[in-house]
Amino acid sequence: MKTLFSNRYMDAFIKTIFFFGITHLIILTCIAVRGNVHMLNAFKILNLDFFMPGLGSGVVNFVLSYFMVLGVYCPVFLILTKPAKAGS
């Protein structure tokens, strides 16, 4: 597996967080497939509905939550990542 950080402890820590995050999303997807689609609301996944209870429910908030996800993904993709070199 590719090393993300030169510090071995930090590399293991980040990979552990990544593993648990992926596992969490797989579990939520399984719950959603069984009928509770609102579990995939990004506001609910981040527990932001704890601070603003209305965020975790409703179709409009569901759609807005994924606009927020895109609003974070696009700058990360454009600013914090580098294009892959040809031939690698």
PDB file of N, CA and C in Angstrom:
ATOM      1  N   MET A   1       0.838  -1.174   0.000  1.00  0.00           N
ATOM      2  CA  MET A   1       0.000   0.000   0.000  1.00  0.00           C
ATOM      3  C   MET A   1       0.888   1.245   0.000  1.00  0.00           C
ATOM      4  N   LYS A   2       0.417   2.259  -0.693  1.00  0.00           N
ATOM      5  CA  LYS A   2       1.173   3.500  -0.816  1.00  0.00           C
ATOM      6  C   LYS A   2       1.281   4.219   0.532  1.00  0.00           C
ATOM      7  N   THR A   3       2.446   4.763   0.824  1.00  0.00           N
ATOM      8  CA  THR A   3       2.668   5.535   2.039  1.00  0.00           C
ATOM      9  C   THR A   3       2.123   6.941   1.833  1.00  0.00           C
ATOM     10  N   LEU A   4       1.295   7.393   2.759  1.00  0.00           N
ATOM     11  CA  LEU A   4       0.705   8.725   2.663  1.00  0.00           C
ATOM     12  C   LEU A   4       1.533   9.768   3.388  1.00  0.00           C
ATOM     13  N   PHE A   5       2.188   9.360   4.487  1.00  0.00           N
ATOM     14  CA  PHE A   5       3.008  10.260   5.294  1.00  0.00           C
ATOM     15  C   PHE A   5       4.350   9.596   5.560  1.00  0.00           C
ATOM     16  N   SER A   6       5.379  10.389   5.672  1.00  0.00           N
ATOM     17  CA  SER A   6       6.700   9.831   5.961  1.00  0.00           C
ATOM     18  C   SER A   6       6.778   9.319   7.402  1.00  0.00           C
ATOM     19  N   ASN A   7       6.003   9.916   8.296  1.00  0.00           N
ATOM     20  CA  ASN A   7       5.949   9.467   9.681  1.00  0.00           C
ATOM     21  C   ASN A   7       5.065   8.212   9.753  1.00  0.00           C
ATOM     22  N   ARG A   8       5.636   7.102  10.204  1.00  0.00           N
ATOM     23  CA  ARG A   8       4.931   5.823  10.231  1.00  0.00           C
ATOM     24  C   ARG A   8       3.686   5.869  11.122  1.00  0.00           C
ATOM     25  N   TYR A   9       3.764   6.545  12.261  1.00  0.00           N
ATOM     26  CA  TYR A   9       2.635   6.635  13.174  1.00  0.00           C
ATOM     27  C   TYR A   9       1.482   7.434  12.552  1.00  0.00           C
ATOM     28  N   MET A  10       1.813   8.543  11.914  1.00  0.00           N
ATOM     29  CA  MET A  10       0.794   9.361  11.262  1.00  0.00           C
ATOM     30  C   MET A  10       0.173   8.601  10.094  1.00  0.00           C
ATOM     31  N   ASP A  11       0.990   7.875   9.352  1.00  0.00           N
ATOM     32  CA  ASP A  11       0.500   7.082   8.228  1.00  0.00           C
ATOM     33  C   ASP A  11      -0.495   6.030   8.720  1.00  0.00           C
ATOM     34  N   ALA A  12      -0.157   5.321   9.794  1.00  0.00           N
ATOM     35  CA  ALA A  12      -1.054   4.305  10.352  1.00  0.00           C
ATOM     36  C   ALA A  12      -2.335   4.942  10.882  1.00  0.00           C
ATOM     37  N   PHE A  13      -2.219   6.095  11.517  1.00  0.00           N
ATOM     38  CA  PHE A  13      -3.377   6.795  12.068  1.00  0.00           C
ATOM     39  C   PHE A  13      -4.355   7.196  10.969  1.00  0.00           C
ATOM     40  N   ILE A  14      -3.852   7.810   9.903  1.00  0.00           N
ATOM     41  CA  ILE A  14      -4.700   8.259   8.795  1.00  0.00           C
ATOM     42  C   ILE A  14      -5.335   7.065   8.090  1.00  0.00           C
ATOM     43  N   LYS A  15      -4.581   5.999   7.889  1.00  0.00           N
ATOM     44  CA  LYS A  15      -5.144   4.810   7.244  1.00  0.00           C
ATOM     45  C   LYS A  15      -6.212   4.150   8.115  1.00  0.00           C
ATOM     46  N   THR A  16      -6.051   4.212   9.438  1.00  0.00           N
ATOM     47  CA  THR A  16      -7.063   3.678  10.351  1.00  0.00           C
ATOM     48  C   THR A  16      -8.348   4.488  10.256  1.00  0.00           C
ATOM     49  N   ILE A  17      -8.228   5.811  10.254  1.00  0.00           N
ATOM     50  CA  ILE A  17      -9.400   6.677  10.112  1.00  0.00           C
ATOM     51  C   ILE A  17     -10.091   6.407   8.783  1.00  0.00           C
ATOM     52  N   PHE A  18      -9.324   6.273   7.734  1.00  0.00           N
ATOM     53  CA  PHE A  18      -9.869   5.989   6.404  1.00  0.00           C
ATOM     54  C   PHE A  18     -10.621   4.654   6.409  1.00  0.00           C
ATOM     55  N   PHE A  19     -10.045   3.626   7.022  1.00  0.00           N
ATOM     56  CA  PHE A  19     -10.672   2.308   7.104  1.00  0.00           C
ATOM     57  C   PHE A  19     -12.018   2.379   7.829  1.00  0.00           C
ATOM     58  N   PHE A  20     -12.039   3.034   9.006  1.00  0.00           N
ATOM     59  CA  PHE A  20     -13.284   3.131   9.754  1.00  0.00           C
ATOM     60  C   PHE A  20     -14.318   3.995   9.029  1.00  0.00           C
ATOM     61  N   GLY A  21     -13.871   5.005   8.323  1.00  0.00           N
ATOM     62  CA  GLY A  21     -14.791   5.833   7.538  1.00  0.00           C
ATOM     63  C   GLY A  21     -15.452   5.039   6.427  1.00  0.00           C
ATOM     64  N   ILE A  22     -14.664   4.259   5.706  1.00  0.00           N
ATOM     65  CA  ILE A  22     -15.212   3.411   4.640  1.00  0.00           C
ATOM     66  C   ILE A  22     -16.174   2.386   5.228  1.00  0.00           C
ATOM     67  N   THR A  23     -15.790   1.762   6.349  1.00  0.00           N
ATOM     68  CA  THR A  23     -16.656   0.781   7.006  1.00  0.00           C
ATOM     69  C   THR A  23     -17.975   1.425   7.425  1.00  0.00           C
ATOM     70  N   HIS A  24     -17.906   2.626   7.973  1.00  0.00           N
ATOM     71  CA  HIS A  24     -19.097   3.356   8.394  1.00  0.00           C
ATOM     72  C   HIS A  24     -20.028   3.604   7.203  1.00  0.00           C
ATOM     73  N   LEU A  25     -19.481   4.035   6.071  1.00  0.00           N
ATOM     74  CA  LEU A  25     -20.303   4.300   4.890  1.00  0.00           C
ATOM     75  C   LEU A  25     -20.902   3.021   4.317  1.00  0.00           C
ATOM     76  N   ILE A  26     -20.180   1.909   4.382  1.00  0.00           N
ATOM     77  CA  ILE A  26     -20.728   0.630   3.923  1.00  0.00           C
ATOM     78  C   ILE A  26     -21.917   0.223   4.787  1.00  0.00           C
ATOM     79  N   ILE A  27     -21.784   0.375   6.090  1.00  0.00           N
ATOM     80  CA  ILE A  27     -22.886   0.043   7.003  1.00  0.00           C
ATOM     81  C   ILE A  27     -24.093   0.940   6.725  1.00  0.00           C
ATOM     82  N   LEU A  28     -23.884   2.233   6.543  1.00  0.00           N
ATOM     83  CA  LEU A  28     -24.982   3.149   6.257  1.00  0.00           C
ATOM     84  C   LEU A  28     -25.655   2.808   4.930  1.00  0.00           C
ATOM     85  N   THR A  29     -24.870   2.395   3.943  1.00  0.00           N
ATOM     86  CA  THR A  29     -25.435   2.000   2.650  1.00  0.00           C
ATOM     87  C   THR A  29     -26.303   0.757   2.810  1.00  0.00           C
ATOM     88  N   CYS A  30     -25.858  -0.196   3.603  1.00  0.00           N
ATOM     89  CA  CYS A  30     -26.666  -1.400   3.864  1.00  0.00           C
ATOM     90  C   CYS A  30     -27.982  -1.029   4.543  1.00  0.00           C
ATOM     91  N   ILE A  31     -27.944  -0.105   5.487  1.00  0.00           N
ATOM     92  CA  ILE A  31     -29.167   0.358   6.156  1.00  0.00           C
ATOM     93  C   ILE A  31     -30.080   1.051   5.149  1.00  0.00           C
ATOM     94  N   ALA A  32     -29.508   1.861   4.268  1.00  0.00           N
ATOM     95  CA  ALA A  32     -30.299   2.574   3.262  1.00  0.00           C
ATOM     96  C   ALA A  32     -30.960   1.612   2.288  1.00  0.00           C
ATOM     97  N   VAL A  33     -30.263   0.556   1.897  1.00  0.00           N
ATOM     98  CA  VAL A  33     -30.818  -0.434   0.980  1.00  0.00           C
ATOM     99  C   VAL A  33     -32.023  -1.131   1.610  1.00  0.00           C
ATOM    100  N   ARG A  34     -32.008  -1.275   2.910  1.00  0.00           N
ATOM    101  CA  ARG A  34     -33.127  -1.923   3.619  1.00  0.00           C
ATOM    102  C   ARG A  34     -34.319  -0.982   3.787  1.00  0.00           C
ATOM    103  N   GLY A  35     -34.209   0.247   3.317  1.00  0.00           N
ATOM    104  CA  GLY A  35     -35.380   1.119   3.318  1.00  0.00           C
ATOM    105  C   GLY A  35     -35.233   2.473   3.974  1.00  0.00           C
ATOM    106  N   ASN A  36     -34.169   2.733   4.698  1.00  0.00           N
ATOM    107  CA  ASN A  36     -34.009   4.024   5.355  1.00  0.00           C
ATOM    108  C   ASN A  36     -32.988   4.869   4.586  1.00  0.00           C
ATOM    109  N   VAL A  37     -33.419   5.382   3.441  1.00  0.00           N
ATOM    110  CA  VAL A  37     -32.531   6.146   2.552  1.00  0.00           C
ATOM    111  C   VAL A  37     -32.015   7.413   3.216  1.00  0.00           C
ATOM    112  N   HIS A  38     -32.760   7.958   4.153  1.00  0.00           N
ATOM    113  CA  HIS A  38     -32.346   9.204   4.804  1.00  0.00           C
ATOM    114  C   HIS A  38     -31.078   9.040   5.643  1.00  0.00           C
ATOM    115  N   MET A  39     -30.654   7.809   5.885  1.00  0.00           N
ATOM    116  CA  MET A  39     -29.384   7.586   6.593  1.00  0.00           C
ATOM    117  C   MET A  39     -28.199   8.061   5.752  1.00  0.00           C
ATOM    118  N   LEU A  40     -28.401   8.207   4.431  1.00  0.00           N
ATOM    119  CA  LEU A  40     -27.325   8.669   3.553  1.00  0.00           C
ATOM    120  C   LEU A  40     -27.274  10.188   3.425  1.00  0.00           C
ATOM    121  N   ASN A  41     -28.098  10.897   4.165  1.00  0.00           N
ATOM    122  CA  ASN A  41     -28.042  12.349   4.190  1.00  0.00           C
ATOM    123  C   ASN A  41     -26.692  12.758   4.792  1.00  0.00           C
ATOM    124  N   ALA A  42     -25.921  13.523   4.055  1.00  0.00           N
ATOM    125  CA  ALA A  42     -24.571  13.897   4.501  1.00  0.00           C
ATOM    126  C   ALA A  42     -24.606  14.676   5.818  1.00  0.00           C
ATOM    127  N   PHE A  43     -25.644  15.471   6.032  1.00  0.00           N
ATOM    128  CA  PHE A  43     -25.770  16.191   7.302  1.00  0.00           C
ATOM    129  C   PHE A  43     -25.959  15.202   8.455  1.00  0.00           C
ATOM    130  N   LYS A  44     -26.714  14.140   8.205  1.00  0.00           N
ATOM    131  CA  LYS A  44     -26.953  13.125   9.231  1.00  0.00           C
ATOM    132  C   LYS A  44     -25.674  12.314   9.483  1.00  0.00           C
ATOM    133  N   ILE A  45     -24.929  11.994   8.411  1.00  0.00           N
ATOM    134  CA  ILE A  45     -23.678  11.244   8.556  1.00  0.00           C
ATOM    135  C   ILE A  45     -22.688  12.018   9.421  1.00  0.00           C
ATOM    136  N   LEU A  46     -22.635  13.322   9.235  1.00  0.00           N
ATOM    137  CA  LEU A  46     -21.721  14.171  10.008  1.00  0.00           C
ATOM    138  C   LEU A  46     -22.294  14.588  11.363  1.00  0.00           C
ATOM    139  N   ASN A  47     -23.510  14.131  11.658  1.00  0.00           N
ATOM    140  CA  ASN A  47     -24.215  14.457  12.906  1.00  0.00           C
ATOM    141  C   ASN A  47     -24.483  15.955  13.061  1.00  0.00           C
ATOM    142  N   LEU A  48     -24.574  16.661  11.953  1.00  0.00           N
ATOM    143  CA  LEU A  48     -24.904  18.084  12.032  1.00  0.00           C
ATOM    144  C   LEU A  48     -26.353  18.294  12.445  1.00  0.00           C
ATOM    145  N   ASP A  49     -27.180  17.253  12.273  1.00  0.00           N
ATOM    146  CA  ASP A  49     -28.571  17.355  12.723  1.00  0.00           C
ATOM    147  C   ASP A  49     -28.663  17.406  14.251  1.00  0.00           C
ATOM    148  N   PHE A  50     -27.580  17.092  14.937  1.00  0.00           N
ATOM    149  CA  PHE A  50     -27.537  17.233  16.393  1.00  0.00           C
ATOM    150  C   PHE A  50     -27.609  18.709  16.788  1.00  0.00           C
ATOM    151  N   PHE A  51     -26.954  19.569  15.993  1.00  0.00           N
ATOM    152  CA  PHE A  51     -26.928  20.999  16.279  1.00  0.00           C
ATOM    153  C   PHE A  51     -28.124  21.731  15.672  1.00  0.00           C
ATOM    154  N   MET A  52     -28.577  21.247  14.522  1.00  0.00           N
ATOM    155  CA  MET A  52     -29.739  21.822  13.837  1.00  0.00           C
ATOM    156  C   MET A  52     -30.650  20.663  13.449  1.00  0.00           C
ATOM    157  N   PRO A  53     -31.588  20.286  14.322  1.00  0.00           N
ATOM    158  CA  PRO A  53     -32.379  19.061  14.151  1.00  0.00           C
ATOM    159  C   PRO A  53     -33.075  18.903  12.803  1.00  0.00           C
ATOM    160  N   GLY A  54     -33.431  19.934  12.115  1.00  0.00           N
ATOM    161  CA  GLY A  54     -34.122  19.814  10.837  1.00  0.00           C
ATOM    162  C   GLY A  54     -33.244  19.374   9.684  1.00  0.00           C
ATOM    163  N   LEU A  55     -31.928  19.438   9.839  1.00  0.00           N
ATOM    164  CA  LEU A  55     -31.024  19.108   8.736  1.00  0.00           C
ATOM    165  C   LEU A  55     -31.050  17.633   8.337  1.00  0.00           C
ATOM    166  N   GLY A  56     -31.401  16.765   9.250  1.00  0.00           N
ATOM    167  CA  GLY A  56     -31.352  15.339   8.976  1.00  0.00           C
ATOM    168  C   GLY A  56     -32.574  14.783   8.294  1.00  0.00           C
ATOM    169  N   SER A  57     -33.552  15.622   7.971  1.00  0.00           N
ATOM    170  CA  SER A  57     -34.776  15.100   7.370  1.00  0.00           C
ATOM    171  C   SER A  57     -35.214  15.964   6.195  1.00  0.00           C
ATOM    172  N   GLY A  58     -35.983  15.359   5.324  1.00  0.00           N
ATOM    173  CA  GLY A  58     -36.540  16.072   4.178  1.00  0.00           C
ATOM    174  C   GLY A  58     -35.700  15.921   2.925  1.00  0.00           C
ATOM    175  N   VAL A  59     -36.409  15.914   1.802  1.00  0.00           N
ATOM    176  CA  VAL A  59     -35.755  15.737   0.499  1.00  0.00           C
ATOM    177  C   VAL A  59     -34.862  16.925   0.165  1.00  0.00           C
ATOM    178  N   VAL A  60     -35.323  18.133   0.452  1.00  0.00           N
ATOM    179  CA  VAL A  60     -34.541  19.331   0.144  1.00  0.00           C
ATOM    180  C   VAL A  60     -33.211  19.311   0.898  1.00  0.00           C
ATOM    181  N   ASN A  61     -33.254  18.979   2.177  1.00  0.00           N
ATOM    182  CA  ASN A  61     -32.016  18.908   2.965  1.00  0.00           C
ATOM    183  C   ASN A  61     -31.119  17.783   2.481  1.00  0.00           C
ATOM    184  N   PHE A  62     -31.705  16.683   2.016  1.00  0.00           N
ATOM    185  CA  PHE A  62     -30.928  15.576   1.467  1.00  0.00           C
ATOM    186  C   PHE A  62     -30.128  16.053   0.246  1.00  0.00           C
ATOM    187  N   VAL A  63     -30.816  16.744  -0.657  1.00  0.00           N
ATOM    188  CA  VAL A  63     -30.154  17.258  -1.863  1.00  0.00           C
ATOM    189  C   VAL A  63     -29.120  18.319  -1.490  1.00  0.00           C
ATOM    190  N   LEU A  64     -29.466  19.219  -0.585  1.00  0.00           N
ATOM    191  CA  LEU A  64     -28.520  20.259  -0.153  1.00  0.00           C
ATOM    192  C   LEU A  64     -27.277  19.657   0.492  1.00  0.00           C
ATOM    193  N   SER A  65     -27.450  18.543   1.188  1.00  0.00           N
ATOM    194  CA  SER A  65     -26.298  17.909   1.833  1.00  0.00           C
ATOM    195  C   SER A  65     -25.279  17.450   0.789  1.00  0.00           C
ATOM    196  N   TYR A  66     -25.758  16.974  -0.363  1.00  0.00           N
ATOM    197  CA  TYR A  66     -24.822  16.535  -1.388  1.00  0.00           C
ATOM    198  C   TYR A  66     -24.260  17.685  -2.201  1.00  0.00           C
ATOM    199  N   PHE A  67     -24.960  18.810  -2.250  1.00  0.00           N
ATOM    200  CA  PHE A  67     -24.341  20.016  -2.805  1.00  0.00           C
ATOM    201  C   PHE A  67     -23.197  20.471  -1.897  1.00  0.00           C
ATOM    202  N   MET A  68     -23.376  20.309  -0.581  1.00  0.00           N
ATOM    203  CA  MET A  68     -22.297  20.625   0.357  1.00  0.00           C
ATOM    204  C   MET A  68     -21.106  19.689   0.123  1.00  0.00           C
ATOM    205  N   VAL A  69     -21.393  18.404  -0.092  1.00  0.00           N
ATOM    206  CA  VAL A  69     -20.318  17.441  -0.371  1.00  0.00           C
ATOM    207  C   VAL A  69     -19.557  17.863  -1.632  1.00  0.00           C
ATOM    208  N   LEU A  70     -20.279  18.215  -2.684  1.00  0.00           N
ATOM    209  CA  LEU A  70     -19.622  18.682  -3.910  1.00  0.00           C
ATOM    210  C   LEU A  70     -18.859  19.981  -3.669  1.00  0.00           C
ATOM    211  N   GLY A  71     -19.414  20.847  -2.810  1.00  0.00           N
ATOM    212  CA  GLY A  71     -18.751  22.101  -2.473  1.00  0.00           C
ATOM    213  C   GLY A  71     -17.425  21.898  -1.748  1.00  0.00           C
ATOM    214  N   VAL A  72     -17.265  20.785  -1.087  1.00  0.00           N
ATOM    215  CA  VAL A  72     -15.993  20.461  -0.433  1.00  0.00           C
ATOM    216  C   VAL A  72     -15.101  19.681  -1.395  1.00  0.00           C
ATOM    217  N   TYR A  73     -15.687  18.739  -2.135  1.00  0.00           N
ATOM    218  CA  TYR A  73     -14.900  17.884  -3.032  1.00  0.00           C
ATOM    219  C   TYR A  73     -14.208  18.694  -4.134  1.00  0.00           C
ATOM    220  N   CYS A  74     -14.933  19.600  -4.762  1.00  0.00           N
ATOM    221  CA  CYS A  74     -14.358  20.341  -5.902  1.00  0.00           C
ATOM    222  C   CYS A  74     -13.108  21.143  -5.529  1.00  0.00           C
ATOM    223  N   PRO A  75     -13.117  21.962  -4.470  1.00  0.00           N
ATOM    224  CA  PRO A  75     -11.880  22.662  -4.116  1.00  0.00           C
ATOM    225  C   PRO A  75     -10.749  21.715  -3.707  1.00  0.00           C
ATOM    226  N   VAL A  76     -11.082  20.630  -3.014  1.00  0.00           N
ATOM    227  CA  VAL A  76     -10.039  19.665  -2.643  1.00  0.00           C
ATOM    228  C   VAL A  76      -9.429  19.071  -3.901  1.00  0.00           C
ATOM    229  N   PHE A  77     -10.270  18.691  -4.861  1.00  0.00           N
ATOM    230  CA  PHE A  77      -9.780  18.113  -6.106  1.00  0.00           C
ATOM    231  C   PHE A  77      -8.924  19.113  -6.880  1.00  0.00           C
ATOM    232  N   LEU A  78      -9.396  20.347  -6.990  1.00  0.00           N
ATOM    233  CA  LEU A  78      -8.702  21.338  -7.804  1.00  0.00           C
ATOM    234  C   LEU A  78      -7.459  21.918  -7.137  1.00  0.00           C
ATOM    235  N   ILE A  79      -7.466  22.045  -5.814  1.00  0.00           N
ATOM    236  CA  ILE A  79      -6.379  22.737  -5.115  1.00  0.00           C
ATOM    237  C   ILE A  79      -5.400  21.773  -4.451  1.00  0.00           C
ATOM    238  N   LEU A  80      -5.901  20.729  -3.818  1.00  0.00           N
ATOM    239  CA  LEU A  80      -5.044  19.877  -2.997  1.00  0.00           C
ATOM    240  C   LEU A  80      -4.541  18.610  -3.684  1.00  0.00           C
ATOM    241  N   THR A  81      -4.972  18.356  -4.903  1.00  0.00           N
ATOM    242  CA  THR A  81      -4.484  17.174  -5.610  1.00  0.00           C
ATOM    243  C   THR A  81      -3.727  17.586  -6.853  1.00  0.00           C
ATOM    244  N   LYS A  82      -2.818  16.743  -7.260  1.00  0.00           N
ATOM    245  CA  LYS A  82      -2.026  17.006  -8.451  1.00  0.00           C
ATOM    246  C   LYS A  82      -2.431  16.015  -9.538  1.00  0.00           C
ATOM    247  N   PRO A  83      -2.438  16.468 -10.804  1.00  0.00           N
ATOM    248  CA  PRO A  83      -2.750  15.527 -11.877  1.00  0.00           C
ATOM    249  C   PRO A  83      -1.738  14.387 -11.926  1.00  0.00           C
ATOM    250  N   ALA A  84      -2.193  13.200 -12.293  1.00  0.00           N
ATOM    251  CA  ALA A  84      -1.299  12.055 -12.413  1.00  0.00           C
ATOM    252  C   ALA A  84      -0.357  12.268 -13.600  1.00  0.00           C
ATOM    253  N   LYS A  85       0.876  11.879 -13.427  1.00  0.00           N
ATOM    254  CA  LYS A  85       1.861  12.004 -14.507  1.00  0.00           C
ATOM    255  C   LYS A  85       1.572  10.931 -15.558  1.00  0.00           C
ATOM    256  N   ALA A  86       1.807  11.259 -16.823  1.00  0.00           N
ATOM    257  CA  ALA A  86       1.601  10.304 -17.902  1.00  0.00           C
ATOM    258  C   ALA A  86       2.567   9.135 -17.756  1.00  0.00           C
ATOM    259  N   GLY A  87       2.048   7.940 -17.940  1.00  0.00           N
ATOM    260  CA  GLY A  87       2.898   6.748 -17.859  1.00  0.00           C
ATOM    261  C   GLY A  87       3.046   6.171 -16.468  1.00  0.00           C
ATOM    262  N   SER A  88       2.358   6.730 -15.458  1.00  0.00           N
ATOM    263  CA  SER A  88       2.484   6.154 -14.119  1.00  0.00           C
ATOM    264  C   SER A  88       1.193   5.591 -13.629  1.00  0.00           C
TER     265      SER A  88
END
